[in-house]
Amino acid sequence: GKQRELVAFMTSGGRANYADSVKGRFTISRDNAKNTV
């Protein structure tokens, strides 16, 4: 019943952004060698 919400994203260079609703609680990370976020 709710709209889709962007939670977080990270560039290949490691720059991350978070939605205000999760900032400070969620952490995005990625392993480029494993192509895994």
PDB file of all heavy atoms in Angstrom:
ATOM      1  N   GLY A   1       0.770  -1.222   0.000  1.00  0.00           N
ATOM      2  CA  GLY A   1       0.000   0.000   0.000  1.00  0.00           C
ATOM      3  C   GLY A   1       0.804   1.275   0.000  1.00  0.00           C
ATOM      4  O   GLY A   1       0.225   2.365   0.064  1.00  0.00           O
ATOM      5  N   LYS A   2       2.115   1.165  -0.076  1.00  0.00           N
ATOM      6  CA  LYS A   2       2.973   2.337  -0.067  1.00  0.00           C
ATOM      7  C   LYS A   2       3.813   2.395  -1.329  1.00  0.00           C
ATOM      8  O   LYS A   2       4.010   1.398  -2.009  1.00  0.00           O
ATOM      9  CB  LYS A   2       3.873   2.343   1.164  1.00  0.00           C
ATOM     10  CG  LYS A   2       3.132   2.446   2.486  1.00  0.00           C
ATOM     11  CD  LYS A   2       4.094   2.554   3.647  1.00  0.00           C
ATOM     12  CE  LYS A   2       3.351   2.706   4.958  1.00  0.00           C
ATOM     13  NZ  LYS A   2       4.290   2.812   6.110  1.00  0.00           N
ATOM     14  N   GLN A   3       4.303   3.587  -1.618  1.00  0.00           N
ATOM     15  CA  GLN A   3       5.141   3.777  -2.786  1.00  0.00           C
ATOM     16  C   GLN A   3       6.523   3.178  -2.564  1.00  0.00           C
ATOM     17  O   GLN A   3       7.007   3.076  -1.438  1.00  0.00           O
ATOM     18  CB  GLN A   3       5.273   5.261  -3.125  1.00  0.00           C
ATOM     19  CG  GLN A   3       3.987   5.937  -3.561  1.00  0.00           C
ATOM     20  CD  GLN A   3       4.230   7.337  -4.070  1.00  0.00           C
ATOM     21  OE1 GLN A   3       5.065   7.565  -4.959  1.00  0.00           O
ATOM     22  NE2 GLN A   3       3.501   8.289  -3.526  1.00  0.00           N
ATOM     23  N   ARG A   4       7.119   2.803  -3.662  1.00  0.00           N
ATOM     24  CA  ARG A   4       8.467   2.294  -3.617  1.00  0.00           C
ATOM     25  C   ARG A   4       9.422   3.398  -3.171  1.00  0.00           C
ATOM     26  O   ARG A   4       9.335   4.537  -3.622  1.00  0.00           O
ATOM     27  CB  ARG A   4       8.849   1.754  -4.996  1.00  0.00           C
ATOM     28  CG  ARG A   4      10.128   0.963  -5.049  1.00  0.00           C
ATOM     29  CD  ARG A   4      10.214   0.245  -6.381  1.00  0.00           C
ATOM     30  NE  ARG A   4      10.074   1.171  -7.488  1.00  0.00           N
ATOM     31  CZ  ARG A   4       9.796   0.803  -8.735  1.00  0.00           C
ATOM     32  NH1 ARG A   4       9.609  -0.490  -9.016  1.00  0.00           N
ATOM     33  NH2 ARG A   4       9.689   1.705  -9.686  1.00  0.00           N
ATOM     34  N   GLU A   5      10.332   3.055  -2.298  1.00  0.00           N
ATOM     35  CA  GLU A   5      11.224   4.023  -1.685  1.00  0.00           C
ATOM     36  C   GLU A   5      12.675   3.633  -1.907  1.00  0.00           C
ATOM     37  O   GLU A   5      13.064   2.488  -1.670  1.00  0.00           O
ATOM     38  CB  GLU A   5      10.935   4.123  -0.181  1.00  0.00           C
ATOM     39  CG  GLU A   5      11.886   5.023   0.587  1.00  0.00           C
ATOM     40  CD  GLU A   5      11.694   4.926   2.088  1.00  0.00           C
ATOM     41  OE1 GLU A   5      11.189   3.882   2.556  1.00  0.00           O
ATOM     42  OE2 GLU A   5      12.036   5.895   2.791  1.00  0.00           O
ATOM     43  N   LEU A   6      13.454   4.590  -2.341  1.00  0.00           N
ATOM     44  CA  LEU A   6      14.890   4.368  -2.454  1.00  0.00           C
ATOM     45  C   LEU A   6      15.501   4.366  -1.061  1.00  0.00           C
ATOM     46  O   LEU A   6      15.348   5.325  -0.307  1.00  0.00           O
ATOM     47  CB  LEU A   6      15.538   5.443  -3.324  1.00  0.00           C
ATOM     48  CG  LEU A   6      17.057   5.384  -3.469  1.00  0.00           C
ATOM     49  CD1 LEU A   6      17.502   4.083  -4.131  1.00  0.00           C
ATOM     50  CD2 LEU A   6      17.571   6.585  -4.258  1.00  0.00           C
ATOM     51  N   VAL A   7      16.191   3.305  -0.734  1.00  0.00           N
ATOM     52  CA  VAL A   7      16.782   3.153   0.588  1.00  0.00           C
ATOM     53  C   VAL A   7      18.209   3.671   0.610  1.00  0.00           C
ATOM     54  O   VAL A   7      18.584   4.466   1.475  1.00  0.00           O
ATOM     55  CB  VAL A   7      16.744   1.685   1.043  1.00  0.00           C
ATOM     56  CG1 VAL A   7      17.431   1.520   2.395  1.00  0.00           C
ATOM     57  CG2 VAL A   7      15.304   1.191   1.108  1.00  0.00           C
ATOM     58  N   ALA A   8      19.006   3.209  -0.316  1.00  0.00           N
ATOM     59  CA  ALA A   8      20.412   3.588  -0.355  1.00  0.00           C
ATOM     60  C   ALA A   8      21.008   3.164  -1.680  1.00  0.00           C
ATOM     61  O   ALA A   8      20.494   2.267  -2.349  1.00  0.00           O
ATOM     62  CB  ALA A   8      21.192   2.943   0.797  1.00  0.00           C
ATOM     63  N   PHE A   9      22.083   3.818  -2.052  1.00  0.00           N
ATOM     64  CA  PHE A   9      22.849   3.374  -3.207  1.00  0.00           C
ATOM     65  C   PHE A   9      24.310   3.713  -3.007  1.00  0.00           C
ATOM     66  O   PHE A   9      24.663   4.576  -2.201  1.00  0.00           O
ATOM     67  CB  PHE A   9      22.317   3.974  -4.523  1.00  0.00           C
ATOM     68  CG  PHE A   9      22.480   5.467  -4.663  1.00  0.00           C
ATOM     69  CD1 PHE A   9      23.669   6.021  -5.122  1.00  0.00           C
ATOM     70  CD2 PHE A   9      21.434   6.322  -4.367  1.00  0.00           C
ATOM     71  CE1 PHE A   9      23.812   7.396  -5.265  1.00  0.00           C
ATOM     72  CE2 PHE A   9      21.570   7.700  -4.513  1.00  0.00           C
ATOM     73  CZ  PHE A   9      22.766   8.233  -4.961  1.00  0.00           C
ATOM     74  N   MET A  10      25.140   3.024  -3.761  1.00  0.00           N
ATOM     75  CA  MET A  10      26.577   3.242  -3.693  1.00  0.00           C
ATOM     76  C   MET A  10      27.176   3.107  -5.078  1.00  0.00           C
ATOM     77  O   MET A  10      26.878   2.174  -5.819  1.00  0.00           O
ATOM     78  CB  MET A  10      27.242   2.258  -2.726  1.00  0.00           C
ATOM     79  CG  MET A  10      28.763   2.386  -2.662  1.00  0.00           C
ATOM     80  SD  MET A  10      29.520   1.342  -1.393  1.00  0.00           S
ATOM     81  CE  MET A  10      29.166   2.330   0.070  1.00  0.00           C
ATOM     82  N   THR A  11      28.039   4.047  -5.421  1.00  0.00           N
ATOM     83  CA  THR A  11      28.731   3.989  -6.692  1.00  0.00           C
ATOM     84  C   THR A  11      29.871   2.991  -6.616  1.00  0.00           C
ATOM     85  O   THR A  11      30.246   2.520  -5.542  1.00  0.00           O
ATOM     86  CB  THR A  11      29.277   5.366  -7.082  1.00  0.00           C
ATOM     87  OG1 THR A  11      30.334   5.725  -6.177  1.00  0.00           O
ATOM     88  CG2 THR A  11      28.192   6.430  -7.016  1.00  0.00           C
ATOM     89  N   SER A  12      30.419   2.683  -7.770  1.00  0.00           N
ATOM     90  CA  SER A  12      31.558   1.772  -7.797  1.00  0.00           C
ATOM     91  C   SER A  12      32.757   2.357  -7.076  1.00  0.00           C
ATOM     92  O   SER A  12      33.625   1.614  -6.620  1.00  0.00           O
ATOM     93  CB  SER A  12      31.926   1.433  -9.242  1.00  0.00           C
ATOM     94  OG  SER A  12      32.283   2.604  -9.971  1.00  0.00           O
ATOM     95  N   GLY A  13      32.798   3.677  -6.969  1.00  0.00           N
ATOM     96  CA  GLY A  13      33.871   4.334  -6.254  1.00  0.00           C
ATOM     97  C   GLY A  13      33.658   4.430  -4.758  1.00  0.00           C
ATOM     98  O   GLY A  13      34.524   4.950  -4.053  1.00  0.00           O
ATOM     99  N   GLY A  14      32.510   3.953  -4.276  1.00  0.00           N
ATOM    100  CA  GLY A  14      32.274   3.902  -2.848  1.00  0.00           C
ATOM    101  C   GLY A  14      31.486   5.059  -2.266  1.00  0.00           C
ATOM    102  O   GLY A  14      31.357   5.157  -1.045  1.00  0.00           O
ATOM    103  N   ARG A  15      30.960   5.924  -3.100  1.00  0.00           N
ATOM    104  CA  ARG A  15      30.143   7.022  -2.582  1.00  0.00           C
ATOM    105  C   ARG A  15      28.737   6.524  -2.305  1.00  0.00           C
ATOM    106  O   ARG A  15      28.077   5.982  -3.194  1.00  0.00           O
ATOM    107  CB  ARG A  15      30.115   8.185  -3.567  1.00  0.00           C
ATOM    108  CG  ARG A  15      29.394   9.412  -3.029  1.00  0.00           C
ATOM    109  CD  ARG A  15      29.673  10.625  -3.888  1.00  0.00           C
ATOM    110  NE  ARG A  15      28.988  10.565  -5.172  1.00  0.00           N
ATOM    111  CZ  ARG A  15      27.737  10.995  -5.373  1.00  0.00           C
ATOM    112  NH1 ARG A  15      27.037  11.503  -4.381  1.00  0.00           N
ATOM    113  NH2 ARG A  15      27.206  10.905  -6.580  1.00  0.00           N
ATOM    114  N   ALA A  16      28.270   6.732  -1.095  1.00  0.00           N
ATOM    115  CA  ALA A  16      26.989   6.211  -0.655  1.00  0.00           C
ATOM    116  C   ALA A  16      26.013   7.323  -0.320  1.00  0.00           C
ATOM    117  O   ALA A  16      26.404   8.410   0.116  1.00  0.00           O
ATOM    118  CB  ALA A  16      27.172   5.318   0.566  1.00  0.00           C
ATOM    119  N   ASN A  17      24.742   7.036  -0.514  1.00  0.00           N
ATOM    120  CA  ASN A  17      23.658   7.927  -0.138  1.00  0.00           C
ATOM    121  C   ASN A  17      22.556   7.115   0.513  1.00  0.00           C
ATOM    122  O   ASN A  17      22.325   5.959   0.144  1.00  0.00           O
ATOM    123  CB  ASN A  17      23.105   8.681  -1.348  1.00  0.00           C
ATOM    124  CG  ASN A  17      24.069   9.699  -1.903  1.00  0.00           C
ATOM    125  OD1 ASN A  17      24.985   9.352  -2.645  1.00  0.00           O
ATOM    126  ND2 ASN A  17      23.872  10.964  -1.538  1.00  0.00           N
ATOM    127  N   TYR A  18      21.873   7.740   1.461  1.00  0.00           N
ATOM    128  CA  TYR A  18      20.835   7.062   2.217  1.00  0.00           C
ATOM    129  C   TYR A  18      19.578   7.899   2.291  1.00  0.00           C
ATOM    130  O   TYR A  18      19.629   9.131   2.320  1.00  0.00           O
ATOM    131  CB  TYR A  18      21.298   6.770   3.645  1.00  0.00           C
ATOM    132  CG  TYR A  18      22.494   5.871   3.749  1.00  0.00           C
ATOM    133  CD1 TYR A  18      23.782   6.392   3.749  1.00  0.00           C
ATOM    134  CD2 TYR A  18      22.337   4.501   3.856  1.00  0.00           C
ATOM    135  CE1 TYR A  18      24.878   5.564   3.849  1.00  0.00           C
ATOM    136  CE2 TYR A  18      23.434   3.664   3.959  1.00  0.00           C
ATOM    137  CZ  TYR A  18      24.706   4.205   3.957  1.00  0.00           C
ATOM    138  OH  TYR A  18      25.797   3.374   4.061  1.00  0.00           O
ATOM    139  N   ALA A  19      18.466   7.209   2.352  1.00  0.00           N
ATOM    140  CA  ALA A  19      17.220   7.881   2.660  1.00  0.00           C
ATOM    141  C   ALA A  19      17.248   8.357   4.104  1.00  0.00           C
ATOM    142  O   ALA A  19      17.854   7.722   4.970  1.00  0.00           O
ATOM    143  CB  ALA A  19      16.032   6.941   2.442  1.00  0.00           C
ATOM    144  N   ASP A  20      16.592   9.471   4.357  1.00  0.00           N
ATOM    145  CA  ASP A  20      16.572  10.004   5.714  1.00  0.00           C
ATOM    146  C   ASP A  20      15.981   9.011   6.711  1.00  0.00           C
ATOM    147  O   ASP A  20      16.379   8.985   7.881  1.00  0.00           O
ATOM    148  CB  ASP A  20      15.784  11.314   5.758  1.00  0.00           C
ATOM    149  CG  ASP A  20      16.513  12.460   5.088  1.00  0.00           C
ATOM    150  OD1 ASP A  20      17.747  12.380   4.931  1.00  0.00           O
ATOM    151  OD2 ASP A  20      15.845  13.449   4.723  1.00  0.00           O
ATOM    152  N   SER A  21      15.059   8.203   6.254  1.00  0.00           N
ATOM    153  CA  SER A  21      14.384   7.272   7.138  1.00  0.00           C
ATOM    154  C   SER A  21      15.291   6.161   7.659  1.00  0.00           C
ATOM    155  O   SER A  21      14.974   5.532   8.671  1.00  0.00           O
ATOM    156  CB  SER A  21      13.175   6.651   6.436  1.00  0.00           C
ATOM    157  OG  SER A  21      13.570   5.982   5.257  1.00  0.00           O
ATOM    158  N   VAL A  22      16.399   5.918   6.992  1.00  0.00           N
ATOM    159  CA  VAL A  22      17.298   4.848   7.405  1.00  0.00           C
ATOM    160  C   VAL A  22      18.680   5.346   7.772  1.00  0.00           C
ATOM    161  O   VAL A  22      19.509   4.556   8.251  1.00  0.00           O
ATOM    162  CB  VAL A  22      17.419   3.766   6.319  1.00  0.00           C
ATOM    163  CG1 VAL A  22      16.050   3.246   5.921  1.00  0.00           C
ATOM    164  CG2 VAL A  22      18.174   4.295   5.104  1.00  0.00           C
ATOM    165  N   LYS A  23      18.936   6.607   7.571  1.00  0.00           N
ATOM    166  CA  LYS A  23      20.253   7.163   7.840  1.00  0.00           C
ATOM    167  C   LYS A  23      20.636   6.960   9.302  1.00  0.00           C
ATOM    168  O   LYS A  23      19.862   7.244  10.208  1.00  0.00           O
ATOM    169  CB  LYS A  23      20.279   8.642   7.470  1.00  0.00           C
ATOM    170  CG  LYS A  23      21.666   9.243   7.363  1.00  0.00           C
ATOM    171  CD  LYS A  23      21.596  10.671   6.811  1.00  0.00           C
ATOM    172  CE  LYS A  23      21.013  10.693   5.405  1.00  0.00           C
ATOM    173  NZ  LYS A  23      20.962  12.069   4.835  1.00  0.00           N
ATOM    174  N   GLY A  24      21.829   6.464   9.510  1.00  0.00           N
ATOM    175  CA  GLY A  24      22.298   6.183  10.855  1.00  0.00           C
ATOM    176  C   GLY A  24      21.976   4.793  11.342  1.00  0.00           C
ATOM    177  O   GLY A  24      22.526   4.358  12.361  1.00  0.00           O
ATOM    178  N   ARG A  25      21.099   4.091  10.645  1.00  0.00           N
ATOM    179  CA  ARG A  25      20.723   2.733  11.033  1.00  0.00           C
ATOM    180  C   ARG A  25      21.156   1.690  10.017  1.00  0.00           C
ATOM    181  O   ARG A  25      21.514   0.579  10.384  1.00  0.00           O
ATOM    182  CB  ARG A  25      19.210   2.629  11.235  1.00  0.00           C
ATOM    183  CG  ARG A  25      18.668   3.523  12.335  1.00  0.00           C
ATOM    184  CD  ARG A  25      17.197   3.226  12.615  1.00  0.00           C
ATOM    185  NE  ARG A  25      16.359   3.474  11.440  1.00  0.00           N
ATOM    186  CZ  ARG A  25      15.621   2.549  10.829  1.00  0.00           C
ATOM    187  NH1 ARG A  25      15.611   1.295  11.291  1.00  0.00           N
ATOM    188  NH2 ARG A  25      14.879   2.865   9.777  1.00  0.00           N
ATOM    189  N   PHE A  26      21.096   2.054   8.747  1.00  0.00           N
ATOM    190  CA  PHE A  26      21.453   1.139   7.675  1.00  0.00           C
ATOM    191  C   PHE A  26      22.808   1.514   7.102  1.00  0.00           C
ATOM    192  O   PHE A  26      23.182   2.694   7.062  1.00  0.00           O
ATOM    193  CB  PHE A  26      20.424   1.179   6.542  1.00  0.00           C
ATOM    194  CG  PHE A  26      19.083   0.592   6.880  1.00  0.00           C
ATOM    195  CD1 PHE A  26      18.732   0.276   8.180  1.00  0.00           C
ATOM    196  CD2 PHE A  26      18.166   0.361   5.859  1.00  0.00           C
ATOM    197  CE1 PHE A  26      17.490  -0.258   8.482  1.00  0.00           C
ATOM    198  CE2 PHE A  26      16.921  -0.175   6.149  1.00  0.00           C
ATOM    199  CZ  PHE A  26      16.578  -0.484   7.457  1.00  0.00           C
ATOM    200  N   THR A  27      23.520   0.520   6.635  1.00  0.00           N
ATOM    201  CA  THR A  27      24.805   0.734   5.995  1.00  0.00           C
ATOM    202  C   THR A  27      24.874  -0.071   4.707  1.00  0.00           C
ATOM    203  O   THR A  27      24.660  -1.283   4.719  1.00  0.00           O
ATOM    204  CB  THR A  27      25.967   0.326   6.906  1.00  0.00           C
ATOM    205  OG1 THR A  27      25.906   1.067   8.130  1.00  0.00           O
ATOM    206  CG2 THR A  27      27.301   0.611   6.223  1.00  0.00           C
ATOM    207  N   ILE A  28      25.156   0.609   3.619  1.00  0.00           N
ATOM    208  CA  ILE A  28      25.334  -0.067   2.351  1.00  0.00           C
ATOM    209  C   ILE A  28      26.823  -0.249   2.095  1.00  0.00           C
ATOM    210  O   ILE A  28      27.630   0.627   2.417  1.00  0.00           O
ATOM    211  CB  ILE A  28      24.664   0.699   1.192  1.00  0.00           C
ATOM    212  CG1 ILE A  28      24.705  -0.120  -0.100  1.00  0.00           C
ATOM    213  CG2 ILE A  28      25.290   2.070   0.990  1.00  0.00           C
ATOM    214  CD1 ILE A  28      23.885   0.481  -1.231  1.00  0.00           C
ATOM    215  N   SER A  29      27.179  -1.373   1.555  1.00  0.00           N
ATOM    216  CA  SER A  29      28.555  -1.647   1.193  1.00  0.00           C
ATOM    217  C   SER A  29      28.558  -2.527  -0.047  1.00  0.00           C
ATOM    218  O   SER A  29      27.535  -3.084  -0.428  1.00  0.00           O
ATOM    219  CB  SER A  29      29.312  -2.320   2.344  1.00  0.00           C
ATOM    220  OG  SER A  29      28.742  -3.569   2.668  1.00  0.00           O
ATOM    221  N   ARG A  30      29.699  -2.631  -0.666  1.00  0.00           N
ATOM    222  CA  ARG A  30      29.786  -3.482  -1.843  1.00  0.00           C
ATOM    223  C   ARG A  30      31.186  -4.021  -2.006  1.00  0.00           C
ATOM    224  O   ARG A  30      32.171  -3.407  -1.587  1.00  0.00           O
ATOM    225  CB  ARG A  30      29.333  -2.736  -3.098  1.00  0.00           C
ATOM    226  CG  ARG A  30      30.172  -1.522  -3.473  1.00  0.00           C
ATOM    227  CD  ARG A  30      29.531  -0.744  -4.619  1.00  0.00           C
ATOM    228  NE  ARG A  30      29.554  -1.487  -5.869  1.00  0.00           N
ATOM    229  CZ  ARG A  30      29.020  -1.058  -7.017  1.00  0.00           C
ATOM    230  NH1 ARG A  30      28.395   0.119  -7.057  1.00  0.00           N
ATOM    231  NH2 ARG A  30      29.090  -1.803  -8.108  1.00  0.00           N
ATOM    232  N   ASP A  31      31.239  -5.159  -2.619  1.00  0.00           N
ATOM    233  CA  ASP A  31      32.482  -5.810  -2.963  1.00  0.00           C
ATOM    234  C   ASP A  31      32.517  -5.872  -4.482  1.00  0.00           C
ATOM    235  O   ASP A  31      31.862  -6.722  -5.089  1.00  0.00           O
ATOM    236  CB  ASP A  31      32.557  -7.203  -2.349  1.00  0.00           C
ATOM    237  CG  ASP A  31      33.900  -7.872  -2.551  1.00  0.00           C
ATOM    238  OD1 ASP A  31      34.610  -7.527  -3.516  1.00  0.00           O
ATOM    239  OD2 ASP A  31      34.243  -8.749  -1.746  1.00  0.00           O
ATOM    240  N   ASN A  32      33.251  -4.971  -5.082  1.00  0.00           N
ATOM    241  CA  ASN A  32      33.269  -4.892  -6.537  1.00  0.00           C
ATOM    242  C   ASN A  32      33.852  -6.156  -7.170  1.00  0.00           C
ATOM    243  O   ASN A  32      33.437  -6.558  -8.254  1.00  0.00           O
ATOM    244  CB  ASN A  32      34.060  -3.670  -6.992  1.00  0.00           C
ATOM    245  CG  ASN A  32      33.352  -2.372  -6.687  1.00  0.00           C
ATOM    246  OD1 ASN A  32      32.122  -2.317  -6.616  1.00  0.00           O
ATOM    247  ND2 ASN A  32      34.114  -1.301  -6.519  1.00  0.00           N
ATOM    248  N   ALA A  33      34.816  -6.762  -6.505  1.00  0.00           N
ATOM    249  CA  ALA A  33      35.412  -7.977  -7.040  1.00  0.00           C
ATOM    250  C   ALA A  33      34.401  -9.111  -7.113  1.00  0.00           C
ATOM    251  O   ALA A  33      34.472  -9.958  -8.003  1.00  0.00           O
ATOM    252  CB  ALA A  33      36.615  -8.393  -6.200  1.00  0.00           C
ATOM    253  N   LYS A  34      33.473  -9.137  -6.169  1.00  0.00           N
ATOM    254  CA  LYS A  34      32.442 -10.163  -6.144  1.00  0.00           C
ATOM    255  C   LYS A  34      31.138  -9.711  -6.786  1.00  0.00           C
ATOM    256  O   LYS A  34      30.181 -10.486  -6.831  1.00  0.00           O
ATOM    257  CB  LYS A  34      32.163 -10.601  -4.708  1.00  0.00           C
ATOM    258  CG  LYS A  34      33.332 -11.282  -4.017  1.00  0.00           C
ATOM    259  CD  LYS A  34      32.954 -11.719  -2.617  1.00  0.00           C
ATOM    260  CE  LYS A  34      34.095 -12.453  -1.939  1.00  0.00           C
ATOM    261  NZ  LYS A  34      33.725 -12.886  -0.562  1.00  0.00           N
ATOM    262  N   ASN A  35      31.109  -8.475  -7.248  1.00  0.00           N
ATOM    263  CA  ASN A  35      29.894  -7.909  -7.836  1.00  0.00           C
ATOM    264  C   ASN A  35      28.700  -8.078  -6.908  1.00  0.00           C
ATOM    265  O   ASN A  35      27.607  -8.468  -7.330  1.00  0.00           O
ATOM    266  CB  ASN A  35      29.616  -8.545  -9.200  1.00  0.00           C
ATOM    267  CG  ASN A  35      30.725  -8.295 -10.193  1.00  0.00           C
ATOM    268  OD1 ASN A  35      31.090  -7.155 -10.455  1.00  0.00           O
ATOM    269  ND2 ASN A  35      31.268  -9.367 -10.751  1.00  0.00           N
ATOM    270  N   THR A  36      28.925  -7.763  -5.669  1.00  0.00           N
ATOM    271  CA  THR A  36      27.925  -7.963  -4.639  1.00  0.00           C
ATOM    272  C   THR A  36      27.749  -6.686  -3.830  1.00  0.00           C
ATOM    273  O   THR A  36      28.731  -6.027  -3.479  1.00  0.00           O
ATOM    274  CB  THR A  36      28.314  -9.116  -3.710  1.00  0.00           C
ATOM    275  OG1 THR A  36      28.459 -10.315  -4.480  1.00  0.00           O
ATOM    276  CG2 THR A  36      27.255  -9.342  -2.646  1.00  0.00           C
ATOM    277  N   VAL A  37      26.507  -6.363  -3.549  1.00  0.00           N
ATOM    278  CA  VAL A  37      26.185  -5.230  -2.701  1.00  0.00           C
ATOM    279  C   VAL A  37      25.455  -5.746  -1.473  1.00  0.00           C
ATOM    280  O   VAL A  37      24.702  -6.719  -1.543  1.00  0.00           O
ATOM    281  CB  VAL A  37      25.350  -4.176  -3.460  1.00  0.00           C
ATOM    282  CG1 VAL A  37      23.992  -4.736  -3.865  1.00  0.00           C
ATOM    283  CG2 VAL A  37      25.187  -2.913  -2.629  1.00  0.00           C
TER     284      VAL A  37
END
